[in-house]
Protein backbone atom coordinates (compact mmCIF):
# COMPACT_ATOMS: atom_id res chain seq x y z
CA VAL A 1 3.10 1.51 -7.77
CA ILE A 2 1.30 -1.84 -6.42
CA LEU A 3 -2.31 -0.68 -5.62
CA MET A 4 -2.15 -4.29 -2.73
CA ASP A 5 -5.81 -5.09 -2.36
CA ILE A 6 -6.22 -6.27 1.71
CA MET A 7 -8.94 -8.75 2.02
CA MET A 8 -7.64 -11.02 -0.79
CA PRO A 9 -8.71 -15.13 -1.17
CA PHE A 10 -5.36 -17.61 0.45
CA MET A 11 -3.25 -14.64 0.53
CA ASP A 12 -4.05 -10.46 2.06
CA GLY A 13 -2.60 -8.32 1.21
CA TRP A 14 -0.49 -7.52 4.30
CA ASP A 15 1.64 -11.19 4.14
CA THR A 16 1.82 -10.40 0.10
CA ILE A 17 3.78 -6.99 1.44
CA GLU A 18 5.82 -8.73 3.71
CA GLU A 19 6.94 -11.31 0.73
CA ILE A 20 7.37 -8.74 -1.68
CA ILE A 21 9.87 -7.22 0.99
CA LYS A 22 11.23 -10.71 1.72
CA LYS A 23 12.52 -11.04 -1.76
CA GLY A 24 13.89 -7.73 -2.51
CA LEU A 25 11.73 -6.38 -4.84
CA GLU A 26 10.58 -3.08 -2.64
CA LYS A 27 13.16 -1.11 -4.26
CA ASN A 28 11.72 1.70 -5.85
CA VAL A 29 8.14 0.84 -5.46
CA ILE A 30 5.38 2.57 -4.37
CA ILE A 31 2.50 0.51 -2.64
CA SER A 32 0.02 2.04 -1.61
CA ILE A 33 -3.27 -0.36 -0.20
CA ILE A 34 -6.34 0.35 -1.64
CA THR A 35 -9.16 -1.65 0.47
CA ALA A 36 -12.55 -0.63 1.22
CA LYS A 37 -11.90 -1.51 5.17
CA GLY A 38 -12.03 2.12 6.44
CA ILE A 39 -9.36 1.49 9.88
CA PRO A 40 -6.46 0.32 9.12
CA ASP A 41 -4.44 -2.50 11.15
CA GLN A 42 -1.95 0.47 13.80
CA ASP A 43 -0.60 -2.59 14.74
CA LYS A 44 0.94 -3.93 10.55
CA ILE A 45 1.50 0.01 9.38
CA LYS A 46 3.51 0.77 12.34
CA LYS A 47 5.45 -2.53 11.01
CA LEU A 48 5.43 -2.53 7.65
CA ASN A 49 5.60 1.87 7.97
CA PRO A 50 8.32 2.38 5.90
CA TYR A 51 7.33 0.58 2.75
CA ILE A 52 3.57 2.30 2.34
CA PHE A 53 3.14 5.45 0.50
CA ASP A 54 -1.16 5.46 1.76
CA TYR A 55 -3.87 4.04 2.72
CA ILE A 56 -7.31 4.21 0.61
CA THR A 57 -10.56 3.76 1.55
CA LYS A 58 -12.91 3.24 -0.50
CA PRO A 59 -14.01 4.31 -3.42
CA ILE A 60 -10.93 5.98 -4.29
CA ASP A 61 -10.14 10.07 -5.92
CA ILE A 62 -7.93 8.79 -8.77
CA LYS A 63 -7.67 13.09 -9.13
CA LYS A 64 -5.74 13.00 -5.03
CA PHE A 65 -3.65 9.79 -5.52
CA VAL A 66 -1.84 10.53 -8.73
CA CYS A 67 -1.19 13.68 -7.47
CA ASN A 68 0.38 12.50 -4.66
CA VAL A 69 2.17 9.08 -6.69
CA LYS A 70 3.52 12.28 -8.66
CA GLU A 71 4.96 14.24 -5.36
CA MET A 72 6.56 11.58 -3.99
CA CYS A 73 8.25 10.79 -7.49
CA ILE A 74 9.89 13.60 -7.62
CA CYS A 75 11.49 13.14 -4.54
């Protein structure tokens, strides 16, 4: 599970996810975006859709997040 913040210095989370994909490191990985930005960038979500499991806004509901990851891992 990768918890990716979108707002980071130097390289934002979107660019980091693209680098993970470019290097082939996304296999068997769940990428969840955790951010303070309430509204996602729909173009970026659409572009990276198959690789992003969840878009979570802060503050995070830990119990819900853990349930979502467990459900995804069972598949």
